[in-house]
Amino acid sequence: MLADRYRRWFDYERDAHAKVVASLESVPADRRATPEFRRAVDILEHVAGARRVWLYRLGVAASPPAGGLAPSGAGLAEVAARLADVQAEWAAYLARLTDADLDRVVEYQSYDAGRFKNRVEDILTQLFGHSWYHRGQIAMLVRAAGGEPAVTDLIYWCREPVG
């Protein structure tokens, strides 16, 4: 089932995001006011917000995130909590996702005032690619802020030792 692939990718994403939060926590306390650390936290909040936006567009969430797609200034604990909340909503949605659902066409209003439509499968693929992209940005910023970047490559998550 193709829907099972998205559920598996989501399990990987939850693990990767937990590692990203831990990497942000590895930044020394005296470096958490640096622009690099602040930007990394803002990017993670953007990831959580984008995930909420798509739940809203899919008709799962009652409202989009209050801060839109470019929130800033929240603390790491607050962002981590928002991410955990939206991940729980995604887990519930994906638990009932079928292959037929992947072909459903969703119409939505974008933030740039245009109306568009996409298949659910396209949206889910975008969702995962979006997170991969931003996790790379966060890793670079964590290192610049003096922390230890997370290793979040899919192959590290799913590989199995031989022998």
Protein backbone atom coordinates (compact mmCIF):
# COMPACT_ATOMS: atom_id res chain seq x y z
CA MET A 1 0.00 0.00 0.00
CA LEU A 2 1.37 3.39 -0.97
CA ALA A 3 -0.22 5.00 2.09
CA ASP A 4 1.99 2.76 4.25
CA ARG A 5 5.05 4.42 2.69
CA TYR A 6 3.87 7.84 3.86
CA ARG A 7 3.20 6.48 7.35
CA ARG A 8 6.75 5.06 7.44
CA TRP A 9 8.21 8.35 6.23
CA PHE A 10 6.24 10.12 8.91
CA ASP A 11 7.72 7.82 11.59
CA TYR A 12 11.14 8.82 10.28
CA GLU A 13 10.15 12.50 10.30
CA ARG A 14 9.02 12.37 13.95
CA ASP A 15 12.35 10.81 14.91
CA ALA A 16 14.30 13.33 12.83
CA HIS A 17 12.44 16.27 14.36
CA ALA A 18 13.10 14.94 17.87
CA LYS A 19 16.79 14.81 16.99
CA VAL A 20 16.63 18.38 15.68
CA VAL A 21 15.10 19.57 18.96
CA ALA A 22 17.86 17.74 20.84
CA SER A 23 20.48 19.37 18.62
CA LEU A 24 19.04 22.80 19.42
CA GLU A 25 19.18 21.90 23.10
CA SER A 26 22.89 21.10 22.63
CA VAL A 27 23.62 24.77 21.92
CA PRO A 28 25.30 26.22 25.03
CA ALA A 29 23.03 28.46 27.08
CA ASP A 30 25.28 31.48 26.56
CA ARG A 31 24.92 31.06 22.75
CA ARG A 32 21.13 30.85 22.63
CA ALA A 33 20.72 34.58 22.03
CA THR A 34 22.85 34.45 18.85
CA PRO A 35 21.18 35.18 15.52
CA GLU A 36 22.06 31.64 14.36
CA PHE A 37 20.24 29.96 17.24
CA ARG A 38 17.23 32.27 16.97
CA ARG A 39 17.01 31.66 13.21
CA ALA A 40 17.22 27.89 13.70
CA VAL A 41 14.34 27.94 16.21
CA ASP A 42 12.31 30.18 13.88
CA ILE A 43 12.86 27.73 11.01
CA LEU A 44 11.68 24.83 13.16
CA GLU A 45 8.60 26.86 14.08
CA HIS A 46 8.05 27.49 10.35
CA VAL A 47 8.15 23.71 9.75
CA ALA A 48 5.53 23.17 12.47
CA GLY A 49 3.41 26.01 11.07
CA ALA A 50 3.59 24.68 7.53
CA ARG A 51 2.48 21.27 8.74
CA ARG A 52 -0.50 22.91 10.46
CA VAL A 53 -1.35 24.90 7.31
CA TRP A 54 -1.51 21.69 5.28
CA LEU A 55 -3.73 20.01 7.90
CA TYR A 56 -6.03 23.01 7.60
CA ARG A 57 -6.01 22.86 3.81
CA LEU A 58 -6.77 19.14 3.96
CA GLY A 59 -9.78 19.89 6.16
CA VAL A 60 -8.31 18.19 9.23
CA ALA A 61 -7.45 21.24 11.38
CA ALA A 62 -10.14 23.80 12.19
CA SER A 63 -7.81 26.76 11.65
CA PRO A 64 -4.35 27.61 10.28
CA PRO A 65 -1.54 28.52 12.68
CA ALA A 66 -1.93 31.94 14.29
CA GLY A 67 1.55 33.04 13.21
CA GLY A 68 1.20 32.01 9.59
CA LEU A 69 4.24 30.63 7.81
CA ALA A 70 6.83 33.11 9.11
CA PRO A 71 6.51 33.15 12.88
CA SER A 72 9.43 34.31 14.98
CA GLY A 73 10.50 34.87 18.52
CA ALA A 74 9.06 31.82 20.29
CA GLY A 75 11.24 29.89 22.69
CA LEU A 76 12.54 26.44 21.89
CA ALA A 77 10.27 24.70 24.43
CA GLU A 78 7.20 26.41 22.95
CA VAL A 79 8.20 25.48 19.40
CA ALA A 80 8.92 21.88 20.39
CA ALA A 81 5.48 21.66 22.01
CA ARG A 82 3.78 23.06 18.88
CA LEU A 83 5.68 20.60 16.73
CA ALA A 84 4.64 17.70 18.99
CA ASP A 85 1.00 18.80 18.82
CA VAL A 86 0.94 19.04 15.04
CA GLN A 87 2.78 15.74 14.70
CA ALA A 88 0.09 14.07 16.82
CA GLU A 89 -2.56 15.47 14.47
CA TRP A 90 -0.62 14.19 11.46
CA ALA A 91 -0.25 10.75 13.05
CA ALA A 92 -4.03 10.56 13.51
CA TYR A 93 -4.65 11.69 9.93
CA LEU A 94 -2.13 9.29 8.42
CA ALA A 95 -3.42 6.37 10.51
CA ARG A 96 -6.67 6.47 8.54
CA LEU A 97 -5.14 7.41 5.14
CA THR A 98 -5.90 4.99 2.30
CA ASP A 99 -4.38 4.69 -1.15
CA ALA A 100 -7.64 6.07 -2.57
CA ASP A 101 -7.24 9.16 -0.36
CA LEU A 102 -3.88 9.87 -2.02
CA ASP A 103 -5.65 10.59 -5.31
CA ARG A 104 -8.11 13.05 -3.77
CA VAL A 105 -7.76 16.57 -5.17
CA VAL A 106 -7.65 19.39 -2.63
CA GLU A 107 -8.36 23.02 -3.51
CA TYR A 108 -6.86 25.68 -1.27
CA GLN A 109 -6.00 29.33 -0.93
CA SER A 110 -2.26 29.99 -0.87
CA TYR A 111 -0.62 32.72 1.16
CA ASP A 112 0.22 34.63 -2.01
CA ALA A 113 -3.52 35.08 -2.73
CA GLY A 114 -3.76 32.46 -5.48
CA ARG A 115 -6.11 29.46 -5.53
CA PHE A 116 -4.64 26.11 -6.40
CA LYS A 117 -5.37 22.40 -6.34
CA ASN A 118 -3.16 19.37 -5.76
CA ARG A 119 -3.55 15.69 -5.08
CA VAL A 120 -3.04 14.58 -1.48
CA GLU A 121 -0.04 12.52 -2.60
CA ASP A 122 1.63 15.67 -3.96
CA ILE A 123 0.94 17.50 -0.70
CA LEU A 124 2.44 14.71 1.41
CA THR A 125 5.53 14.56 -0.78
CA GLN A 126 5.92 18.35 -0.46
CA LEU A 127 5.49 18.08 3.30
CA PHE A 128 8.38 15.65 3.69
CA GLY A 129 10.66 17.41 1.22
CA HIS A 130 10.00 20.72 2.95
CA SER A 131 11.16 19.30 6.29
CA TRP A 132 14.29 17.72 4.80
CA TYR A 133 15.28 21.05 3.30
CA HIS A 134 14.80 22.99 6.52
CA ARG A 135 16.50 20.38 8.71
CA GLY A 136 19.63 20.97 6.64
CA GLN A 137 19.40 24.70 7.29
CA ILE A 138 18.90 24.11 11.01
CA ALA A 139 21.92 21.78 11.15
CA MET A 140 24.17 24.47 9.70
CA LEU A 141 22.83 27.08 12.12
CA VAL A 142 23.19 24.77 15.14
CA ARG A 143 26.86 24.19 14.28
CA ALA A 144 27.40 27.94 13.85
CA ALA A 145 25.80 28.54 17.25
CA GLY A 146 28.15 26.04 18.92
CA GLY A 147 25.85 23.02 19.13
CA GLU A 148 26.00 19.53 17.68
CA PRO A 149 23.87 19.14 14.53
CA ALA A 150 21.58 16.13 14.35
CA VAL A 151 22.17 13.36 11.85
CA THR A 152 18.76 13.08 10.22
CA ASP A 153 19.44 11.34 6.91
CA LEU A 154 16.80 8.74 6.14
CA ILE A 155 19.41 6.06 5.47
CA TYR A 156 20.78 6.40 9.02
CA TRP A 157 17.27 5.89 10.36
CA CYS A 158 16.35 2.83 8.30
CA ARG A 159 19.60 0.98 7.69
CA GLU A 160 20.10 -2.39 9.31
CA PRO A 161 23.43 -3.89 10.37
CA VAL A 162 24.56 -7.06 8.62
CA GLY A 163 26.07 -9.92 10.56
